[in-house]
Structures are given as C-alpha cells and as structure tokens.
Amino acid sequence: MISDEELHEIAREDEGSDVQFQTSIMAREILACRKAFSEPVVWIDPQVIINFQCGEEIKEWAWAKKIDDTDIPLYRKPTIPS
C-alpha cells in the first residue's frame, strides 16, 4: 500500500501532463477517504436501525450486528480538497 507521505507528494505534483494532473487528483481523493474513514463520527446501536423505517436488507444487516452485540460505526462523507 502506498503511504500517506507518498500520496501527499503525488498530490502536490499537479503541473505537467494530463496524466500527472489526474494522478494528483486521485491522490487527493485517496487521502480524503483515508482521513474520513480513519475514525467514526458516532457509534449507533443496531436496534436503532432495526426500529427505523428502512429496507429489509439494511434491517437484516443490523440484526446480524446486534447478534454480535456490537455498535455500528458511522463515518463522515469524505471532503475532497480542490
């Protein structure tokens, strides 16, 4: 896996060819996703999802989590810098 330091270096290299520019954009997106998913914003009890009006597939997933008696981490949406 490429390190965050390497991604930061690639993200700064946005001058030159189209490929280099697109690569720097991809590096920024990866860094934004890594940051957003590095720590949960909140943990939610699966029973809350089971009682919430949502699709059966989500309820089944939440019920499976409830069996393990673990809370579900929720993460914020990645913000991609321009």
PDB file of N, CA and C in Angstrom:
ATOM      1  N   MET A   1       0.850  -1.171   0.000  1.00  0.00           N
ATOM      2  CA  MET A   1       0.000   0.000   0.000  1.00  0.00           C
ATOM      3  C   MET A   1       0.899   1.237   0.000  1.00  0.00           C
ATOM      4  N   ILE A   2       0.478   2.219  -0.756  1.00  0.00           N
ATOM      5  CA  ILE A   2       1.234   3.461  -0.826  1.00  0.00           C
ATOM      6  C   ILE A   2       1.005   4.259   0.462  1.00  0.00           C
ATOM      7  N   SER A   3       2.046   4.874   0.974  1.00  0.00           N
ATOM      8  CA  SER A   3       1.950   5.584   2.255  1.00  0.00           C
ATOM      9  C   SER A   3       1.283   6.943   2.073  1.00  0.00           C
ATOM     10  N   ASP A   4       0.800   7.498   3.176  1.00  0.00           N
ATOM     11  CA  ASP A   4       0.208   8.837   3.143  1.00  0.00           C
ATOM     12  C   ASP A   4       1.234   9.871   2.698  1.00  0.00           C
ATOM     13  N   GLU A   5       2.475   9.710   3.136  1.00  0.00           N
ATOM     14  CA  GLU A   5       3.523  10.651   2.748  1.00  0.00           C
ATOM     15  C   GLU A   5       3.723  10.652   1.238  1.00  0.00           C
ATOM     16  N   GLU A   6       3.742   9.454   0.653  1.00  0.00           N
ATOM     17  CA  GLU A   6       3.889   9.364  -0.801  1.00  0.00           C
ATOM     18  C   GLU A   6       2.693   9.980  -1.518  1.00  0.00           C
ATOM     19  N   LEU A   7       1.497   9.763  -0.980  1.00  0.00           N
ATOM     20  CA  LEU A   7       0.304  10.352  -1.583  1.00  0.00           C
ATOM     21  C   LEU A   7       0.337  11.874  -1.508  1.00  0.00           C
ATOM     22  N   HIS A   8       0.786  12.414  -0.377  1.00  0.00           N
ATOM     23  CA  HIS A   8       0.899  13.876  -0.251  1.00  0.00           C
ATOM     24  C   HIS A   8       1.867  14.432  -1.297  1.00  0.00           C
ATOM     25  N   GLU A   9       2.947  13.721  -1.513  1.00  0.00           N
ATOM     26  CA  GLU A   9       3.928  14.155  -2.509  1.00  0.00           C
ATOM     27  C   GLU A   9       3.313  14.127  -3.918  1.00  0.00           C
ATOM     28  N   ILE A  10       2.606  13.062  -4.238  1.00  0.00           N
ATOM     29  CA  ILE A  10       1.956  12.951  -5.549  1.00  0.00           C
ATOM     30  C   ILE A  10       0.885  14.025  -5.709  1.00  0.00           C
ATOM     31  N   ALA A  11       0.140  14.295  -4.637  1.00  0.00           N
ATOM     32  CA  ALA A  11      -0.942  15.289  -4.695  1.00  0.00           C
ATOM     33  C   ALA A  11      -0.412  16.685  -5.012  1.00  0.00           C
ATOM     34  N   ARG A  12       0.809  16.964  -4.621  1.00  0.00           N
ATOM     35  CA  ARG A  12       1.406  18.283  -4.898  1.00  0.00           C
ATOM     36  C   ARG A  12       1.901  18.410  -6.334  1.00  0.00           C
ATOM     37  N   GLU A  13       2.094  17.301  -7.018  1.00  0.00           N
ATOM     38  CA  GLU A  13       2.646  17.311  -8.376  1.00  0.00           C
ATOM     39  C   GLU A  13       1.529  17.388  -9.410  1.00  0.00           C
ATOM     40  N   ASP A  14       0.832  18.533  -9.465  1.00  0.00           N
ATOM     41  CA  ASP A  14      -0.294  18.637 -10.383  1.00  0.00           C
ATOM     42  C   ASP A  14       0.015  19.455 -11.634  1.00  0.00           C
ATOM     43  N   GLU A  15       1.273  19.789 -11.835  1.00  0.00           N
ATOM     44  CA  GLU A  15       1.661  20.506 -13.048  1.00  0.00           C
ATOM     45  C   GLU A  15       2.325  19.535 -14.008  1.00  0.00           C
ATOM     46  N   GLY A  16       2.144  19.784 -15.276  1.00  0.00           N
ATOM     47  CA  GLY A  16       2.760  18.915 -16.276  1.00  0.00           C
ATOM     48  C   GLY A  16       1.707  18.275 -17.145  1.00  0.00           C
ATOM     49  N   SER A  17       1.854  17.005 -17.390  1.00  0.00           N
ATOM     50  CA  SER A  17       0.959  16.294 -18.305  1.00  0.00           C
ATOM     51  C   SER A  17      -0.416  16.074 -17.684  1.00  0.00           C
ATOM     52  N   ASP A  18      -1.368  15.711 -18.539  1.00  0.00           N
ATOM     53  CA  ASP A  18      -2.720  15.389 -18.066  1.00  0.00           C
ATOM     54  C   ASP A  18      -2.691  14.205 -17.110  1.00  0.00           C
ATOM     55  N   VAL A  19      -1.851  13.230 -17.396  1.00  0.00           N
ATOM     56  CA  VAL A  19      -1.757  12.044 -16.535  1.00  0.00           C
ATOM     57  C   VAL A  19      -1.249  12.442 -15.148  1.00  0.00           C
ATOM     58  N   GLN A  20      -0.259  13.307 -15.113  1.00  0.00           N
ATOM     59  CA  GLN A  20       0.280  13.757 -13.828  1.00  0.00           C
ATOM     60  C   GLN A  20      -0.788  14.528 -13.050  1.00  0.00           C
ATOM     61  N   PHE A  21      -1.551  15.372 -13.721  1.00  0.00           N
ATOM     62  CA  PHE A  21      -2.617  16.135 -13.073  1.00  0.00           C
ATOM     63  C   PHE A  21      -3.693  15.195 -12.531  1.00  0.00           C
ATOM     64  N   GLN A  22      -4.112  14.217 -13.339  1.00  0.00           N
ATOM     65  CA  GLN A  22      -5.130  13.264 -12.904  1.00  0.00           C
ATOM     66  C   GLN A  22      -4.631  12.401 -11.750  1.00  0.00           C
ATOM     67  N   THR A  23      -3.370  12.058 -11.774  1.00  0.00           N
ATOM     68  CA  THR A  23      -2.780  11.277 -10.679  1.00  0.00           C
ATOM     69  C   THR A  23      -2.800  12.070  -9.386  1.00  0.00           C
ATOM     70  N   SER A  24      -2.521  13.363  -9.462  1.00  0.00           N
ATOM     71  CA  SER A  24      -2.547  14.186  -8.248  1.00  0.00           C
ATOM     72  C   SER A  24      -3.971  14.290  -7.700  1.00  0.00           C
ATOM     73  N   ILE A  25      -4.963  14.359  -8.571  1.00  0.00           N
ATOM     74  CA  ILE A  25      -6.365  14.397  -8.127  1.00  0.00           C
ATOM     75  C   ILE A  25      -6.727  13.086  -7.437  1.00  0.00           C
ATOM     76  N   MET A  26      -6.301  11.961  -8.022  1.00  0.00           N
ATOM     77  CA  MET A  26      -6.578  10.660  -7.396  1.00  0.00           C
ATOM     78  C   MET A  26      -5.919  10.560  -6.028  1.00  0.00           C
ATOM     79  N   ALA A  27      -4.708  11.057  -5.901  1.00  0.00           N
ATOM     80  CA  ALA A  27      -4.010  11.013  -4.612  1.00  0.00           C
ATOM     81  C   ALA A  27      -4.782  11.819  -3.572  1.00  0.00           C
ATOM     82  N   ARG A  28      -5.307  12.998  -3.968  1.00  0.00           N
ATOM     83  CA  ARG A  28      -6.098  13.811  -3.032  1.00  0.00           C
ATOM     84  C   ARG A  28      -7.365  13.088  -2.599  1.00  0.00           C
ATOM     85  N   GLU A  29      -8.002  12.408  -3.544  1.00  0.00           N
ATOM     86  CA  GLU A  29      -9.218  11.667  -3.211  1.00  0.00           C
ATOM     87  C   GLU A  29      -8.925  10.528  -2.240  1.00  0.00           C
ATOM     88  N   ILE A  30      -7.847   9.807  -2.472  1.00  0.00           N
ATOM     89  CA  ILE A  30      -7.475   8.704  -1.576  1.00  0.00           C
ATOM     90  C   ILE A  30      -7.182   9.239  -0.177  1.00  0.00           C
ATOM     91  N   LEU A  31      -6.441  10.335  -0.097  1.00  0.00           N
ATOM     92  CA  LEU A  31      -6.130  10.936   1.211  1.00  0.00           C
ATOM     93  C   LEU A  31      -7.400  11.375   1.919  1.00  0.00           C
ATOM     94  N   ALA A  32      -8.351  11.967   1.191  1.00  0.00           N
ATOM     95  CA  ALA A  32      -9.606  12.409   1.796  1.00  0.00           C
ATOM     96  C   ALA A  32     -10.400  11.220   2.329  1.00  0.00           C
ATOM     97  N   CYS A  33     -10.428  10.128   1.573  1.00  0.00           N
ATOM     98  CA  CYS A  33     -11.143   8.930   2.024  1.00  0.00           C
ATOM     99  C   CYS A  33     -10.464   8.310   3.242  1.00  0.00           C
ATOM    100  N   ARG A  34      -9.154   8.230   3.217  1.00  0.00           N
ATOM    101  CA  ARG A  34      -8.429   7.676   4.372  1.00  0.00           C
ATOM    102  C   ARG A  34      -8.711   8.498   5.623  1.00  0.00           C
ATOM    103  N   LYS A  35      -8.725   9.831   5.478  1.00  0.00           N
ATOM    104  CA  LYS A  35      -8.980  10.694   6.629  1.00  0.00           C
ATOM    105  C   LYS A  35     -10.409  10.501   7.138  1.00  0.00           C
ATOM    106  N   ALA A  36     -11.378  10.496   6.225  1.00  0.00           N
ATOM    107  CA  ALA A  36     -12.785  10.374   6.620  1.00  0.00           C
ATOM    108  C   ALA A  36     -13.077   9.047   7.302  1.00  0.00           C
ATOM    109  N   PHE A  37     -12.455   7.980   6.816  1.00  0.00           N
ATOM    110  CA  PHE A  37     -12.739   6.657   7.361  1.00  0.00           C
ATOM    111  C   PHE A  37     -11.749   6.211   8.425  1.00  0.00           C
ATOM    112  N   SER A  38     -10.908   7.125   8.896  1.00  0.00           N
ATOM    113  CA  SER A  38      -9.927   6.749   9.907  1.00  0.00           C
ATOM    114  C   SER A  38     -10.527   6.687  11.307  1.00  0.00           C
ATOM    115  N   GLU A  39     -11.602   7.425  11.525  1.00  0.00           N
ATOM    116  CA  GLU A  39     -12.251   7.350  12.833  1.00  0.00           C
ATOM    117  C   GLU A  39     -13.735   7.652  12.700  1.00  0.00           C
ATOM    118  N   PRO A  40     -14.562   6.892  13.392  1.00  0.00           N
ATOM    119  CA  PRO A  40     -16.008   7.092  13.310  1.00  0.00           C
ATOM    120  C   PRO A  40     -16.420   8.433  13.924  1.00  0.00           C
ATOM    121  N   VAL A  41     -17.500   8.985  13.394  1.00  0.00           N
ATOM    122  CA  VAL A  41     -18.070  10.203  13.953  1.00  0.00           C
ATOM    123  C   VAL A  41     -18.937   9.841  15.157  1.00  0.00           C
ATOM    124  N   VAL A  42     -19.641   8.733  15.035  1.00  0.00           N
ATOM    125  CA  VAL A  42     -20.538   8.280  16.101  1.00  0.00           C
ATOM    126  C   VAL A  42     -20.708   6.761  15.978  1.00  0.00           C
ATOM    127  N   TRP A  43     -21.056   6.141  17.080  1.00  0.00           N
ATOM    128  CA  TRP A  43     -21.385   4.717  17.090  1.00  0.00           C
ATOM    129  C   TRP A  43     -22.880   4.614  17.366  1.00  0.00           C
ATOM    130  N   ILE A  44     -23.566   3.757  16.615  1.00  0.00           N
ATOM    131  CA  ILE A  44     -25.008   3.646  16.766  1.00  0.00           C
ATOM    132  C   ILE A  44     -25.389   2.215  17.143  1.00  0.00           C
ATOM    133  N   ASP A  45     -26.375   2.099  18.008  1.00  0.00           N
ATOM    134  CA  ASP A  45     -26.885   0.802  18.427  1.00  0.00           C
ATOM    135  C   ASP A  45     -27.660   0.193  17.259  1.00  0.00           C
ATOM    136  N   PRO A  46     -27.381  -1.051  16.890  1.00  0.00           N
ATOM    137  CA  PRO A  46     -28.094  -1.677  15.763  1.00  0.00           C
ATOM    138  C   PRO A  46     -29.612  -1.694  15.954  1.00  0.00           C
ATOM    139  N   GLN A  47     -30.071  -1.724  17.192  1.00  0.00           N
ATOM    140  CA  GLN A  47     -31.517  -1.743  17.449  1.00  0.00           C
ATOM    141  C   GLN A  47     -32.183  -0.482  16.904  1.00  0.00           C
ATOM    142  N   VAL A  48     -31.460   0.625  16.897  1.00  0.00           N
ATOM    143  CA  VAL A  48     -31.994   1.874  16.350  1.00  0.00           C
ATOM    144  C   VAL A  48     -32.285   1.693  14.863  1.00  0.00           C
ATOM    145  N   ILE A  49     -31.379   1.048  14.146  1.00  0.00           N
ATOM    146  CA  ILE A  49     -31.585   0.812  12.713  1.00  0.00           C
ATOM    147  C   ILE A  49     -32.722  -0.172  12.491  1.00  0.00           C
ATOM    148  N   ILE A  50     -32.796  -1.183  13.325  1.00  0.00           N
ATOM    149  CA  ILE A  50     -33.845  -2.189  13.178  1.00  0.00           C
ATOM    150  C   ILE A  50     -35.218  -1.536  13.359  1.00  0.00           C
ATOM    151  N   ASN A  51     -35.344  -0.578  14.289  1.00  0.00           N
ATOM    152  CA  ASN A  51     -36.611   0.095  14.535  1.00  0.00           C
ATOM    153  C   ASN A  51     -36.895   1.203  13.529  1.00  0.00           C
ATOM    154  N   PHE A  52     -35.874   1.646  12.808  1.00  0.00           N
ATOM    155  CA  PHE A  52     -36.016   2.724  11.831  1.00  0.00           C
ATOM    156  C   PHE A  52     -36.655   2.165  10.565  1.00  0.00           C
ATOM    157  N   GLN A  53     -37.424   2.969   9.876  1.00  0.00           N
ATOM    158  CA  GLN A  53     -38.056   2.501   8.642  1.00  0.00           C
ATOM    159  C   GLN A  53     -37.036   2.542   7.516  1.00  0.00           C
ATOM    160  N   CYS A  54     -36.523   1.392   7.177  1.00  0.00           N
ATOM    161  CA  CYS A  54     -35.546   1.284   6.105  1.00  0.00           C
ATOM    162  C   CYS A  54     -35.749  -0.050   5.409  1.00  0.00           C
ATOM    163  N   GLY A  55     -34.970  -0.306   4.392  1.00  0.00           N
ATOM    164  CA  GLY A  55     -35.113  -1.536   3.620  1.00  0.00           C
ATOM    165  C   GLY A  55     -34.803  -2.778   4.434  1.00  0.00           C
ATOM    166  N   GLU A  56     -35.395  -3.887   4.013  1.00  0.00           N
ATOM    167  CA  GLU A  56     -35.197  -5.162   4.714  1.00  0.00           C
ATOM    168  C   GLU A  56     -33.733  -5.592   4.724  1.00  0.00           C
ATOM    169  N   GLU A  57     -33.023  -5.312   3.654  1.00  0.00           N
ATOM    170  CA  GLU A  57     -31.613  -5.696   3.579  1.00  0.00           C
ATOM    171  C   GLU A  57     -30.807  -5.003   4.681  1.00  0.00           C
ATOM    172  N   ILE A  58     -31.070  -3.732   4.910  1.00  0.00           N
ATOM    173  CA  ILE A  58     -30.375  -2.982   5.966  1.00  0.00           C
ATOM    174  C   ILE A  58     -30.775  -3.517   7.333  1.00  0.00           C
ATOM    175  N   LYS A  59     -32.072  -3.832   7.519  1.00  0.00           N
ATOM    176  CA  LYS A  59     -32.525  -4.374   8.809  1.00  0.00           C
ATOM    177  C   LYS A  59     -31.852  -5.722   9.103  1.00  0.00           C
ATOM    178  N   GLU A  60     -31.738  -6.558   8.075  1.00  0.00           N
ATOM    179  CA  GLU A  60     -31.080  -7.855   8.268  1.00  0.00           C
ATOM    180  C   GLU A  60     -29.615  -7.674   8.639  1.00  0.00           C
ATOM    181  N   TRP A  61     -28.956  -6.732   7.979  1.00  0.00           N
ATOM    182  CA  TRP A  61     -27.560  -6.439   8.292  1.00  0.00           C
ATOM    183  C   TRP A  61     -27.425  -5.950   9.732  1.00  0.00           C
ATOM    184  N   ALA A  62     -28.318  -5.042  10.146  1.00  0.00           N
ATOM    185  CA  ALA A  62     -28.279  -4.518  11.509  1.00  0.00           C
ATOM    186  C   ALA A  62     -28.568  -5.616  12.526  1.00  0.00           C
ATOM    187  N   TRP A  63     -29.500  -6.498  12.196  1.00  0.00           N
ATOM    188  CA  TRP A  63     -29.817  -7.595  13.114  1.00  0.00           C
ATOM    189  C   TRP A  63     -28.602  -8.505  13.297  1.00  0.00           C
ATOM    190  N   ALA A  64     -27.885  -8.762  12.220  1.00  0.00           N
ATOM    191  CA  ALA A  64     -26.670  -9.584  12.320  1.00  0.00           C
ATOM    192  C   ALA A  64     -25.658  -8.899  13.233  1.00  0.00           C
ATOM    193  N   LYS A  65     -25.547  -7.581  13.145  1.00  0.00           N
ATOM    194  CA  LYS A  65     -24.647  -6.841  14.024  1.00  0.00           C
ATOM    195  C   LYS A  65     -25.123  -6.928  15.470  1.00  0.00           C
ATOM    196  N   LYS A  66     -26.432  -6.913  15.679  1.00  0.00           N
ATOM    197  CA  LYS A  66     -26.989  -6.956  17.033  1.00  0.00           C
ATOM    198  C   LYS A  66     -26.661  -8.287  17.702  1.00  0.00           C
ATOM    199  N   ILE A  67     -26.659  -9.355  16.920  1.00  0.00           N
ATOM    200  CA  ILE A  67     -26.333 -10.676  17.472  1.00  0.00           C
ATOM    201  C   ILE A  67     -24.926 -10.653  18.077  1.00  0.00           C
ATOM    202  N   ASP A  68     -24.020  -9.942  17.406  1.00  0.00           N
ATOM    203  CA  ASP A  68     -22.666  -9.816  17.927  1.00  0.00           C
ATOM    204  C   ASP A  68     -22.592  -8.832  19.086  1.00  0.00           C
ATOM    205  N   ASP A  69     -23.716  -8.133  19.331  1.00  0.00           N
ATOM    206  CA  ASP A  69     -23.815  -7.150  20.407  1.00  0.00           C
ATOM    207  C   ASP A  69     -22.739  -6.060  20.279  1.00  0.00           C
ATOM    208  N   THR A  70     -22.563  -5.580  19.061  1.00  0.00           N
ATOM    209  CA  THR A  70     -21.606  -4.500  18.826  1.00  0.00           C
ATOM    210  C   THR A  70     -22.320  -3.317  18.211  1.00  0.00           C
ATOM    211  N   ASP A  71     -21.847  -2.149  18.532  1.00  0.00           N
ATOM    212  CA  ASP A  71     -22.379  -0.947  17.919  1.00  0.00           C
ATOM    213  C   ASP A  71     -21.786  -0.781  16.523  1.00  0.00           C
ATOM    214  N   ILE A  72     -22.479  -0.030  15.704  1.00  0.00           N
ATOM    215  CA  ILE A  72     -22.065   0.167  14.318  1.00  0.00           C
ATOM    216  C   ILE A  72     -21.418   1.545  14.190  1.00  0.00           C
ATOM    217  N   PRO A  73     -20.183   1.607  13.661  1.00  0.00           N
ATOM    218  CA  PRO A  73     -19.556   2.924  13.476  1.00  0.00           C
ATOM    219  C   PRO A  73     -20.119   3.626  12.241  1.00  0.00           C
ATOM    220  N   LEU A  74     -20.364   4.919  12.373  1.00  0.00           N
ATOM    221  CA  LEU A  74     -20.788   5.737  11.239  1.00  0.00           C
ATOM    222  C   LEU A  74     -19.687   6.751  10.969  1.00  0.00           C
ATOM    223  N   TYR A  75     -19.385   6.944   9.690  1.00  0.00           N
ATOM    224  CA  TYR A  75     -18.289   7.812   9.279  1.00  0.00           C
ATOM    225  C   TYR A  75     -18.823   9.000   8.490  1.00  0.00           C
ATOM    226  N   ARG A  76     -18.074  10.097   8.518  1.00  0.00           N
ATOM    227  CA  ARG A  76     -18.488  11.256   7.734  1.00  0.00           C
ATOM    228  C   ARG A  76     -18.108  11.056   6.273  1.00  0.00           C
ATOM    229  N   LYS A  77     -18.820  11.766   5.404  1.00  0.00           N
ATOM    230  CA  LYS A  77     -18.545  11.720   3.980  1.00  0.00           C
ATOM    231  C   LYS A  77     -17.213  12.391   3.710  1.00  0.00           C
ATOM    232  N   PRO A  78     -16.355  11.777   2.883  1.00  0.00           N
ATOM    233  CA  PRO A  78     -15.067  12.403   2.580  1.00  0.00           C
ATOM    234  C   PRO A  78     -15.241  13.765   1.907  1.00  0.00           C
ATOM    235  N   THR A  79     -14.427  14.729   2.309  1.00  0.00           N
ATOM    236  CA  THR A  79     -14.399  16.031   1.673  1.00  0.00           C
ATOM    237  C   THR A  79     -13.117  16.106   0.858  1.00  0.00           C
ATOM    238  N   ILE A  80     -13.271  16.231  -0.447  1.00  0.00           N
ATOM    239  CA  ILE A  80     -12.105  16.199  -1.335  1.00  0.00           C
ATOM    240  C   ILE A  80     -11.676  17.633  -1.641  1.00  0.00           C
ATOM    241  N   PRO A  81     -10.454  17.980  -1.226  1.00  0.00           N
ATOM    242  CA  PRO A  81      -9.972  19.341  -1.479  1.00  0.00           C
ATOM    243  C   PRO A  81      -9.721  19.570  -2.964  1.00  0.00           C
ATOM    244  N   SER A  82      -9.900  20.803  -3.367  1.00  0.00           N
ATOM    245  CA  SER A  82      -9.669  21.107  -4.789  1.00  0.00           C
ATOM    246  C   SER A  82      -8.267  21.622  -5.019  1.00  0.00           C
TER     247      SER A  82
END
